[in-house]
Amino acid sequence: MTKPPAPARTTAAFQLQAVLSFGVSTGSVLVGVAYLPVGPWVRAFLALGLLYVVTSAFTLAKTLRDQQEASAVWSRVDEARLEKLLAGHDPFKAPQL
């Protein structure tokens, strides 16, 4: 039986970077809200921080989705192999010698 090619997987370093990016961006926005005086520059900082939170959240969601899809592909391949094996099995067939 030939082994199917392995799907592209997200590396642990990229997942760590996505988690850290999400944490840093969220923390930055919270610090900006708590400690900076209100003014146009503050509003610009908060807008930029919010944009960073949103983009890093999408990156984090993508890494989690890719990891889940990779595991789902392997289970579907295993299920298809089992179905093929069961389809070819006939319990009433006489054994050949």
Protein backbone atom coordinates (compact mmCIF):
# COMPACT_ATOMS: atom_id res chain seq x y z
CA MET A 1 0.00 0.00 0.00
CA THR A 2 1.31 3.44 -0.81
CA LYS A 3 1.48 6.00 1.92
CA PRO A 4 -0.39 9.24 1.12
CA PRO A 5 1.64 12.44 1.18
CA ALA A 6 1.69 14.27 4.49
CA PRO A 7 -0.35 17.48 4.50
CA ALA A 8 1.41 20.76 5.18
CA ARG A 9 1.51 21.35 8.92
CA THR A 10 1.92 24.52 10.89
CA THR A 11 5.21 24.57 12.77
CA ALA A 12 5.32 24.93 16.54
CA ALA A 13 7.34 28.15 16.16
CA PHE A 14 4.63 29.75 14.02
CA GLN A 15 1.94 28.73 16.50
CA LEU A 16 3.99 30.15 19.38
CA GLN A 17 4.50 33.37 17.44
CA ALA A 18 0.75 33.64 16.81
CA VAL A 19 -0.11 33.10 20.48
CA LEU A 20 2.54 35.59 21.65
CA SER A 21 1.45 38.12 19.05
CA PHE A 22 -2.13 37.88 20.25
CA GLY A 23 -1.06 38.29 23.89
CA VAL A 24 1.22 41.25 23.21
CA SER A 25 -1.36 43.04 21.09
CA THR A 26 -4.12 42.55 23.64
CA GLY A 27 -1.85 43.70 26.46
CA SER A 28 -0.81 46.77 24.49
CA VAL A 29 -4.40 47.85 24.01
CA LEU A 30 -5.18 47.33 27.69
CA VAL A 31 -2.14 49.37 28.75
CA GLY A 32 -3.12 52.08 26.29
CA VAL A 33 -6.63 52.26 27.66
CA ALA A 34 -5.53 52.26 31.29
CA TYR A 35 -2.53 54.61 31.36
CA LEU A 36 -2.50 57.03 28.43
CA PRO A 37 -4.22 60.42 28.59
CA VAL A 38 -7.09 60.98 26.19
CA GLY A 39 -6.12 62.83 23.04
CA PRO A 40 -5.78 62.38 19.30
CA TRP A 41 -2.49 60.48 19.58
CA VAL A 42 -4.02 58.18 22.14
CA ARG A 43 -6.94 57.49 19.91
CA ALA A 44 -4.55 56.74 17.04
CA PHE A 45 -2.56 54.39 19.30
CA LEU A 46 -5.72 52.57 20.36
CA ALA A 47 -6.91 52.29 16.77
CA LEU A 48 -3.57 50.82 15.71
CA GLY A 49 -3.57 48.50 18.72
CA LEU A 50 -7.07 47.32 17.91
CA LEU A 51 -6.05 46.65 14.31
CA TYR A 52 -3.10 44.59 15.57
CA VAL A 53 -5.39 42.61 17.90
CA VAL A 54 -7.75 41.78 15.07
CA THR A 55 -5.03 40.69 12.63
CA SER A 56 -3.24 38.58 15.23
CA ALA A 57 -6.55 36.97 16.25
CA PHE A 58 -7.11 35.95 12.62
CA THR A 59 -3.59 34.48 12.50
CA LEU A 60 -4.20 32.54 15.71
CA ALA A 61 -7.52 31.24 14.39
CA LYS A 62 -5.85 30.15 11.15
CA THR A 63 -3.17 28.15 12.96
CA LEU A 64 -5.75 26.37 15.10
CA ARG A 65 -7.91 25.63 12.07
CA ASP A 66 -4.94 24.26 10.11
CA GLN A 67 -4.02 21.99 13.01
CA GLN A 68 -7.58 20.68 13.28
CA GLU A 69 -7.88 20.13 9.52
CA ALA A 70 -4.60 18.21 9.43
CA SER A 71 -5.86 15.77 12.04
CA ALA A 72 -9.23 15.46 10.28
CA VAL A 73 -7.56 14.58 6.96
CA TRP A 74 -5.70 11.66 8.54
CA SER A 75 -8.86 10.29 10.14
CA ARG A 76 -10.71 10.51 6.81
CA VAL A 77 -7.88 8.68 5.04
CA ASP A 78 -7.96 5.93 7.68
CA GLU A 79 -11.75 5.70 7.40
CA ALA A 80 -11.56 5.36 3.60
CA ARG A 81 -8.95 2.59 3.90
CA LEU A 82 -11.16 0.70 6.36
CA GLU A 83 -14.21 1.06 4.11
CA LYS A 84 -12.22 -0.27 1.14
CA LEU A 85 -11.03 -3.24 3.19
CA LEU A 86 -14.55 -4.04 4.42
CA ALA A 87 -16.04 -3.67 0.94
CA GLY A 88 -13.68 -6.32 -0.40
CA HIS A 89 -14.40 -8.78 2.42
CA ASP A 90 -16.94 -11.52 1.79
CA PRO A 91 -17.57 -13.66 4.90
CA PHE A 92 -19.39 -16.37 2.88
CA LYS A 93 -16.63 -16.83 0.33
CA ALA A 94 -14.84 -20.17 0.54
CA PRO A 95 -11.17 -19.86 1.39
CA GLN A 96 -8.83 -20.55 -1.51
CA LEU A 97 -6.06 -23.06 -1.02
